[in-house]
């Protein structure tokens, strides 16, 4: 597999950004998650898609096992105020608070503020241009210290 430079700080070549895309809870709609996963892959990132109906524990286990740089959650079920804080809590317990946590789906504005306080870096709602997601993740990755 080809290696792609991810950070320009030292000019060193690094492994591709590793993104875990997950569908927590009982939400059975994954078309958007699959589209985002494909776009991220086409942008040179390694993408791990966990599939539907994942528990917070299974998502965090996969993130740890795969050494994910980014955990992207797609939630349309309305259970975001329960699932997202639990996933963040488990990431911290596993020593993976360094992973970027992003959420896609329909999240009310008031809930976004509360979830940002609990570790979510960014929200991507319906209609977000996929290039915006790619650019955000790449910018975050290049700004991290080595």
N, C-alpha and C. Protein backbone atom coordinates (compact mmCIF):
# COMPACT_ATOMS: atom_id res chain seq x y z
N UNK A 1 0.85 -1.18 0.00
CA UNK A 1 0.00 0.00 0.00
C UNK A 1 0.89 1.24 0.00
N UNK A 2 0.55 2.21 -0.81
CA UNK A 2 1.33 3.44 -0.90
C UNK A 2 1.19 4.26 0.37
N UNK A 3 2.27 4.95 0.71
CA UNK A 3 2.24 5.86 1.86
C UNK A 3 2.03 7.27 1.34
N UNK A 4 1.24 8.04 2.07
CA UNK A 4 0.96 9.41 1.67
C UNK A 4 1.47 10.35 2.74
N UNK A 5 2.17 11.42 2.36
CA UNK A 5 2.60 12.38 3.38
C UNK A 5 1.38 13.06 3.98
N UNK A 6 1.34 13.14 5.30
CA UNK A 6 0.19 13.74 5.97
C UNK A 6 0.53 15.04 6.67
N UNK A 7 1.78 15.25 6.99
CA UNK A 7 2.17 16.46 7.70
C UNK A 7 3.41 17.04 7.06
N UNK A 8 3.40 18.33 6.88
CA UNK A 8 4.52 18.98 6.22
C UNK A 8 5.57 19.48 7.20
N UNK A 9 5.35 19.34 8.49
CA UNK A 9 6.23 19.93 9.49
C UNK A 9 7.69 19.53 9.32
N UNK A 10 7.96 18.26 9.11
CA UNK A 10 9.35 17.83 8.96
C UNK A 10 9.62 17.28 7.57
N UNK A 11 8.60 17.22 6.74
CA UNK A 11 8.76 16.66 5.42
C UNK A 11 8.78 15.13 5.44
N UNK A 12 8.60 14.54 6.60
CA UNK A 12 8.63 13.08 6.72
C UNK A 12 7.35 12.49 6.14
N UNK A 13 7.48 11.31 5.57
CA UNK A 13 6.32 10.61 5.06
C UNK A 13 5.70 9.83 6.20
N UNK A 14 4.40 9.93 6.32
CA UNK A 14 3.67 9.25 7.38
C UNK A 14 2.64 8.33 6.77
N UNK A 15 2.13 7.45 7.61
CA UNK A 15 1.05 6.59 7.15
C UNK A 15 -0.18 7.45 6.88
N UNK A 16 -1.10 6.93 6.09
CA UNK A 16 -2.33 7.69 5.83
C UNK A 16 -3.11 7.93 7.13
N UNK A 17 -3.90 8.96 7.13
CA UNK A 17 -4.81 9.24 8.24
C UNK A 17 -5.77 8.06 8.32
N UNK A 18 -5.95 7.54 9.51
CA UNK A 18 -6.82 6.37 9.71
C UNK A 18 -8.12 6.84 10.35
N UNK A 19 -9.24 6.61 9.64
CA UNK A 19 -10.55 7.08 10.09
C UNK A 19 -11.47 5.89 10.33
N UNK A 20 -12.04 5.82 11.51
CA UNK A 20 -13.05 4.82 11.82
C UNK A 20 -14.41 5.49 11.66
N UNK A 21 -15.24 4.94 10.79
CA UNK A 21 -16.60 5.44 10.58
C UNK A 21 -17.54 4.43 11.22
N UNK A 22 -18.40 4.92 12.12
CA UNK A 22 -19.24 4.01 12.89
C UNK A 22 -20.69 4.49 12.95
N UNK A 23 -21.59 3.52 13.04
CA UNK A 23 -23.02 3.76 13.19
C UNK A 23 -23.46 3.21 14.54
N UNK A 24 -23.42 4.04 15.59
CA UNK A 24 -23.82 3.54 16.91
C UNK A 24 -25.33 3.42 17.06
N UNK A 25 -25.73 2.49 17.89
CA UNK A 25 -27.13 2.38 18.25
C UNK A 25 -27.97 1.65 17.22
N UNK A 26 -29.25 1.92 17.27
CA UNK A 26 -30.22 1.18 16.46
C UNK A 26 -30.51 1.82 15.11
N UNK A 27 -29.84 2.89 14.78
CA UNK A 27 -30.03 3.56 13.50
C UNK A 27 -29.68 2.60 12.37
N UNK A 28 -30.60 2.41 11.44
CA UNK A 28 -30.36 1.48 10.34
C UNK A 28 -30.09 2.15 9.02
N UNK A 29 -29.85 3.44 9.01
CA UNK A 29 -29.63 4.18 7.76
C UNK A 29 -28.15 4.50 7.63
N UNK A 30 -27.47 3.86 6.68
CA UNK A 30 -26.02 4.09 6.58
C UNK A 30 -25.55 4.59 5.22
N UNK A 31 -26.45 5.04 4.40
CA UNK A 31 -26.04 5.52 3.08
C UNK A 31 -25.05 6.68 3.18
N UNK A 32 -25.35 7.65 4.03
CA UNK A 32 -24.46 8.81 4.20
C UNK A 32 -23.10 8.40 4.73
N UNK A 33 -23.08 7.48 5.70
CA UNK A 33 -21.82 7.01 6.27
C UNK A 33 -20.97 6.33 5.20
N UNK A 34 -21.61 5.55 4.35
CA UNK A 34 -20.88 4.86 3.29
C UNK A 34 -20.34 5.85 2.25
N UNK A 35 -21.10 6.87 1.96
CA UNK A 35 -20.63 7.90 1.02
C UNK A 35 -19.42 8.62 1.61
N UNK A 36 -19.52 9.03 2.86
CA UNK A 36 -18.41 9.72 3.52
C UNK A 36 -17.18 8.80 3.57
N UNK A 37 -17.37 7.55 3.90
CA UNK A 37 -16.26 6.60 3.96
C UNK A 37 -15.57 6.50 2.60
N UNK A 38 -16.35 6.44 1.55
CA UNK A 38 -15.78 6.34 0.19
C UNK A 38 -15.01 7.61 -0.17
N UNK A 39 -15.57 8.76 0.16
CA UNK A 39 -14.90 10.03 -0.15
C UNK A 39 -13.58 10.15 0.62
N UNK A 40 -13.58 9.76 1.89
CA UNK A 40 -12.35 9.82 2.68
C UNK A 40 -11.31 8.86 2.11
N UNK A 41 -11.73 7.66 1.73
CA UNK A 41 -10.82 6.69 1.11
C UNK A 41 -10.23 7.26 -0.17
N UNK A 42 -11.08 7.85 -1.00
CA UNK A 42 -10.62 8.42 -2.27
C UNK A 42 -9.68 9.60 -2.06
N UNK A 43 -9.74 10.22 -0.87
CA UNK A 43 -8.86 11.34 -0.53
C UNK A 43 -7.53 10.84 0.06
N UNK A 44 -7.33 9.52 0.08
CA UNK A 44 -6.06 8.96 0.54
C UNK A 44 -6.03 8.52 1.99
N UNK A 45 -7.17 8.51 2.64
CA UNK A 45 -7.22 8.08 4.04
C UNK A 45 -7.53 6.59 4.11
N UNK A 46 -7.07 5.95 5.18
CA UNK A 46 -7.47 4.57 5.46
C UNK A 46 -8.79 4.66 6.21
N UNK A 47 -9.79 3.93 5.74
CA UNK A 47 -11.12 4.00 6.35
C UNK A 47 -11.53 2.62 6.83
N UNK A 48 -11.97 2.57 8.05
CA UNK A 48 -12.52 1.36 8.64
C UNK A 48 -13.99 1.65 8.91
N UNK A 49 -14.89 0.91 8.27
CA UNK A 49 -16.32 1.09 8.49
C UNK A 49 -16.82 -0.07 9.33
N UNK A 50 -17.42 0.24 10.47
CA UNK A 50 -17.82 -0.80 11.42
C UNK A 50 -19.15 -1.46 11.09
N UNK A 51 -19.95 -0.84 10.25
CA UNK A 51 -21.27 -1.39 9.96
C UNK A 51 -22.33 -0.85 10.91
N UNK A 52 -23.53 -1.35 10.75
CA UNK A 52 -24.68 -0.88 11.52
C UNK A 52 -24.74 -1.47 12.92
N UNK A 53 -25.48 -0.80 13.78
CA UNK A 53 -25.89 -1.30 15.10
C UNK A 53 -24.71 -1.58 16.02
N UNK A 54 -23.76 -0.67 16.09
CA UNK A 54 -22.58 -0.86 16.93
C UNK A 54 -22.82 -0.29 18.32
N UNK A 55 -22.26 -0.94 19.31
CA UNK A 55 -22.31 -0.43 20.67
C UNK A 55 -21.15 0.55 20.87
N UNK A 56 -21.25 1.43 21.85
CA UNK A 56 -20.11 2.30 22.14
C UNK A 56 -18.85 1.49 22.41
N UNK A 57 -18.98 0.37 23.12
CA UNK A 57 -17.82 -0.47 23.44
C UNK A 57 -17.19 -1.05 22.18
N UNK A 58 -18.00 -1.52 21.25
CA UNK A 58 -17.44 -2.11 20.03
C UNK A 58 -16.77 -1.05 19.17
N UNK A 59 -17.31 0.16 19.17
CA UNK A 59 -16.71 1.25 18.39
C UNK A 59 -15.35 1.61 18.97
N UNK A 60 -15.28 1.78 20.26
CA UNK A 60 -14.02 2.16 20.89
C UNK A 60 -13.00 1.02 20.79
N UNK A 61 -13.44 -0.21 20.95
CA UNK A 61 -12.53 -1.35 20.77
C UNK A 61 -11.92 -1.33 19.37
N UNK A 62 -12.76 -1.09 18.36
CA UNK A 62 -12.26 -1.03 16.99
C UNK A 62 -11.31 0.15 16.80
N UNK A 63 -11.63 1.29 17.38
CA UNK A 63 -10.76 2.46 17.26
C UNK A 63 -9.38 2.19 17.87
N UNK A 64 -9.36 1.51 19.00
CA UNK A 64 -8.09 1.17 19.65
C UNK A 64 -7.33 0.13 18.84
N UNK A 65 -8.01 -0.93 18.43
CA UNK A 65 -7.35 -1.99 17.66
C UNK A 65 -6.81 -1.49 16.33
N UNK A 66 -7.53 -0.60 15.69
CA UNK A 66 -7.13 -0.07 14.38
C UNK A 66 -6.23 1.15 14.48
N UNK A 67 -5.96 1.62 15.69
CA UNK A 67 -5.15 2.81 15.91
C UNK A 67 -5.69 3.99 15.10
N UNK A 68 -6.99 4.20 15.21
CA UNK A 68 -7.67 5.25 14.45
C UNK A 68 -7.24 6.63 14.92
N UNK A 69 -6.98 7.51 13.97
CA UNK A 69 -6.69 8.91 14.26
C UNK A 69 -7.99 9.68 14.46
N UNK A 70 -9.03 9.26 13.75
CA UNK A 70 -10.32 9.95 13.74
C UNK A 70 -11.42 8.93 13.99
N UNK A 71 -12.38 9.30 14.83
CA UNK A 71 -13.59 8.49 15.02
C UNK A 71 -14.75 9.35 14.52
N UNK A 72 -15.37 8.89 13.45
CA UNK A 72 -16.51 9.58 12.87
C UNK A 72 -17.78 8.81 13.13
N UNK A 73 -18.72 9.44 13.82
CA UNK A 73 -19.98 8.79 14.16
C UNK A 73 -21.09 9.35 13.28
N UNK A 74 -21.91 8.47 12.74
CA UNK A 74 -23.08 8.88 11.98
C UNK A 74 -24.30 8.48 12.78
N UNK A 75 -25.08 9.48 13.20
CA UNK A 75 -26.22 9.21 14.08
C UNK A 75 -27.45 9.94 13.56
N UNK A 76 -28.47 9.18 13.27
CA UNK A 76 -29.75 9.75 12.85
C UNK A 76 -30.88 9.31 13.76
N UNK A 77 -30.57 8.55 14.79
CA UNK A 77 -31.59 7.92 15.62
C UNK A 77 -32.13 8.81 16.73
N UNK A 78 -31.45 9.91 17.03
CA UNK A 78 -31.86 10.75 18.15
C UNK A 78 -31.23 10.35 19.47
N UNK A 79 -30.38 9.34 19.46
CA UNK A 79 -29.75 8.86 20.69
C UNK A 79 -28.37 9.46 20.91
N UNK A 80 -28.09 10.55 20.24
CA UNK A 80 -26.75 11.15 20.30
C UNK A 80 -26.35 11.61 21.70
N UNK A 81 -27.30 12.06 22.51
CA UNK A 81 -26.96 12.56 23.85
C UNK A 81 -26.61 11.43 24.82
N UNK A 82 -26.91 10.22 24.46
CA UNK A 82 -26.52 9.05 25.25
C UNK A 82 -25.27 8.40 24.68
N UNK A 83 -25.27 8.18 23.36
CA UNK A 83 -24.20 7.41 22.72
C UNK A 83 -22.88 8.17 22.63
N UNK A 84 -22.92 9.42 22.21
CA UNK A 84 -21.68 10.17 22.00
C UNK A 84 -20.90 10.38 23.30
N UNK A 85 -21.53 10.82 24.39
CA UNK A 85 -20.76 10.96 25.63
C UNK A 85 -20.15 9.63 26.10
N UNK A 86 -20.87 8.53 25.92
CA UNK A 86 -20.34 7.22 26.33
C UNK A 86 -19.12 6.85 25.47
N UNK A 87 -19.18 7.10 24.18
CA UNK A 87 -18.05 6.81 23.30
C UNK A 87 -16.85 7.66 23.69
N UNK A 88 -17.07 8.93 23.96
CA UNK A 88 -15.97 9.81 24.38
C UNK A 88 -15.38 9.32 25.70
N UNK A 89 -16.23 8.97 26.64
CA UNK A 89 -15.77 8.46 27.95
C UNK A 89 -14.89 7.22 27.76
N UNK A 90 -15.32 6.30 26.91
CA UNK A 90 -14.55 5.08 26.68
C UNK A 90 -13.23 5.37 25.96
N UNK A 91 -13.23 6.32 25.04
CA UNK A 91 -11.98 6.71 24.37
C UNK A 91 -10.98 7.23 25.40
N UNK A 92 -11.44 8.06 26.31
CA UNK A 92 -10.58 8.59 27.36
C UNK A 92 -10.07 7.45 28.25
N UNK A 93 -10.96 6.55 28.65
CA UNK A 93 -10.55 5.42 29.49
C UNK A 93 -9.50 4.55 28.81
N UNK A 94 -9.56 4.46 27.49
CA UNK A 94 -8.61 3.64 26.74
C UNK A 94 -7.35 4.42 26.35
N UNK A 95 -7.23 5.66 26.84
CA UNK A 95 -6.07 6.47 26.52
C UNK A 95 -6.07 7.01 25.10
N UNK A 96 -7.25 7.12 24.48
CA UNK A 96 -7.35 7.58 23.09
C UNK A 96 -8.07 8.93 22.98
N UNK A 97 -7.88 9.77 24.00
CA UNK A 97 -8.48 11.11 23.92
C UNK A 97 -7.83 11.95 22.83
N UNK A 98 -6.72 11.47 22.26
CA UNK A 98 -6.06 12.17 21.16
C UNK A 98 -6.78 11.98 19.84
N UNK A 99 -7.69 11.02 19.75
CA UNK A 99 -8.43 10.78 18.50
C UNK A 99 -9.43 11.91 18.29
N UNK A 100 -9.50 12.39 17.06
CA UNK A 100 -10.48 13.40 16.70
C UNK A 100 -11.85 12.75 16.67
N UNK A 101 -12.82 13.33 17.37
CA UNK A 101 -14.18 12.81 17.41
C UNK A 101 -15.09 13.76 16.65
N UNK A 102 -15.67 13.28 15.56
CA UNK A 102 -16.59 14.08 14.75
C UNK A 102 -17.91 13.32 14.62
N UNK A 103 -18.98 14.08 14.42
CA UNK A 103 -20.31 13.49 14.36
C UNK A 103 -21.05 14.03 13.15
N UNK A 104 -21.68 13.12 12.42
CA UNK A 104 -22.55 13.49 11.32
C UNK A 104 -23.96 13.05 11.62
N UNK A 105 -24.92 13.78 11.08
CA UNK A 105 -26.31 13.43 11.30
C UNK A 105 -27.13 14.66 11.62
N UNK A 106 -28.29 14.42 12.15
CA UNK A 106 -29.19 15.51 12.50
C UNK A 106 -29.11 15.72 14.01
N UNK A 107 -28.39 16.76 14.40
CA UNK A 107 -28.16 17.07 15.81
C UNK A 107 -28.69 18.48 16.07
N UNK A 108 -29.64 18.63 16.99
CA UNK A 108 -30.14 19.97 17.32
C UNK A 108 -29.02 20.88 17.84
N UNK A 109 -29.13 22.16 17.54
CA UNK A 109 -28.11 23.14 17.90
C UNK A 109 -27.78 23.12 19.39
N UNK A 110 -28.79 23.06 20.24
CA UNK A 110 -28.55 23.04 21.69
C UNK A 110 -27.74 21.81 22.10
N UNK A 111 -28.02 20.68 21.47
CA UNK A 111 -27.29 19.47 21.78
C UNK A 111 -25.84 19.55 21.30
N UNK A 112 -25.62 20.24 20.20
CA UNK A 112 -24.25 20.38 19.69
C UNK A 112 -23.35 21.04 20.73
N UNK A 113 -23.82 22.10 21.34
CA UNK A 113 -23.02 22.80 22.34
C UNK A 113 -22.68 21.87 23.51
N UNK A 114 -23.66 21.12 23.97
CA UNK A 114 -23.41 20.19 25.08
C UNK A 114 -22.42 19.10 24.67
N UNK A 115 -22.54 18.59 23.46
CA UNK A 115 -21.65 17.52 23.00
C UNK A 115 -20.23 18.03 22.74
N UNK A 116 -20.09 19.27 22.32
CA UNK A 116 -18.75 19.84 22.17
C UNK A 116 -18.05 19.90 23.52
N UNK A 117 -18.79 20.21 24.56
CA UNK A 117 -18.22 20.22 25.91
C UNK A 117 -17.79 18.82 26.34
N UNK A 118 -18.32 17.80 25.66
CA UNK A 118 -18.02 16.41 26.01
C UNK A 118 -17.10 15.75 24.97
N UNK A 119 -16.38 16.55 24.21
CA UNK A 119 -15.34 15.99 23.37
C UNK A 119 -15.54 15.98 21.87
N UNK A 120 -16.70 16.38 21.36
CA UNK A 120 -16.90 16.39 19.91
C UNK A 120 -16.22 17.62 19.33
N UNK A 121 -15.39 17.39 18.32
CA UNK A 121 -14.66 18.49 17.71
C UNK A 121 -15.50 19.23 16.66
N UNK A 122 -16.31 18.48 15.91
CA UNK A 122 -17.03 19.11 14.81
C UNK A 122 -18.25 18.27 14.43
N UNK A 123 -19.28 18.95 13.94
CA UNK A 123 -20.50 18.32 13.46
C UNK A 123 -20.64 18.57 11.97
N UNK A 124 -21.10 17.56 11.25
CA UNK A 124 -21.36 17.67 9.83
C UNK A 124 -22.79 17.21 9.58
N UNK A 125 -23.66 18.18 9.29
CA UNK A 125 -25.07 17.87 9.09
C UNK A 125 -25.36 17.47 7.66
N UNK A 126 -26.62 17.12 7.41
CA UNK A 126 -27.03 16.76 6.06
C UNK A 126 -26.72 17.90 5.09
N UNK A 127 -26.22 17.54 3.94
CA UNK A 127 -25.90 18.54 2.92
C UNK A 127 -24.51 19.13 3.03
N UNK A 128 -23.74 18.75 4.04
CA UNK A 128 -22.37 19.23 4.14
C UNK A 128 -21.58 18.73 2.93
N UNK A 129 -20.91 19.63 2.22
CA UNK A 129 -20.08 19.16 1.09
C UNK A 129 -19.01 18.20 1.61
N UNK A 130 -18.87 17.08 0.92
CA UNK A 130 -17.91 16.08 1.38
C UNK A 130 -16.49 16.62 1.40
N UNK A 131 -16.18 17.55 0.51
CA UNK A 131 -14.86 18.17 0.50
C UNK A 131 -14.56 18.91 1.79
N UNK A 132 -15.59 19.44 2.42
CA UNK A 132 -15.42 20.14 3.70
C UNK A 132 -14.98 19.17 4.80
N UNK A 133 -15.53 17.97 4.77
CA UNK A 133 -15.15 16.95 5.74
C UNK A 133 -13.70 16.54 5.53
N UNK A 134 -13.33 16.28 4.28
CA UNK A 134 -11.95 15.91 3.94
C UNK A 134 -11.00 17.01 4.37
N UNK A 135 -11.30 18.25 4.02
CA UNK A 135 -10.41 19.37 4.36
C UNK A 135 -10.26 19.53 5.87
N UNK A 136 -11.36 19.37 6.61
CA UNK A 136 -11.29 19.52 8.06
C UNK A 136 -10.36 18.47 8.67
N UNK A 137 -10.52 17.23 8.26
CA UNK A 137 -9.70 16.16 8.81
C UNK A 137 -8.23 16.34 8.42
N UNK A 138 -7.98 16.68 7.17
CA UNK A 138 -6.58 16.88 6.74
C UNK A 138 -5.94 18.06 7.46
N UNK A 139 -6.68 19.13 7.65
CA UNK A 139 -6.15 20.29 8.38
C UNK A 139 -5.85 19.91 9.82
N UNK A 140 -6.75 19.17 10.44
CA UNK A 140 -6.50 18.72 11.82
C UNK A 140 -5.25 17.84 11.88
N UNK A 141 -5.13 16.93 10.94
CA UNK A 141 -3.99 16.00 10.96
C UNK A 141 -2.65 16.71 10.77
N UNK A 142 -2.64 17.72 9.93
CA UNK A 142 -1.38 18.41 9.66
C UNK A 142 -1.02 19.37 10.79
N UNK A 143 -1.99 19.70 11.64
CA UNK A 143 -1.70 20.62 12.74
C UNK A 143 -1.26 19.92 14.01
N UNK A 144 -1.35 18.59 14.04
CA UNK A 144 -0.96 17.85 15.24
C UNK A 144 0.55 17.81 15.36
N UNK A 145 1.04 17.85 16.59
CA UNK A 145 2.49 17.69 16.78
C UNK A 145 2.92 16.28 16.42
N UNK A 146 4.16 16.13 16.06
CA UNK A 146 4.69 14.81 15.68
C UNK A 146 4.81 13.90 16.87
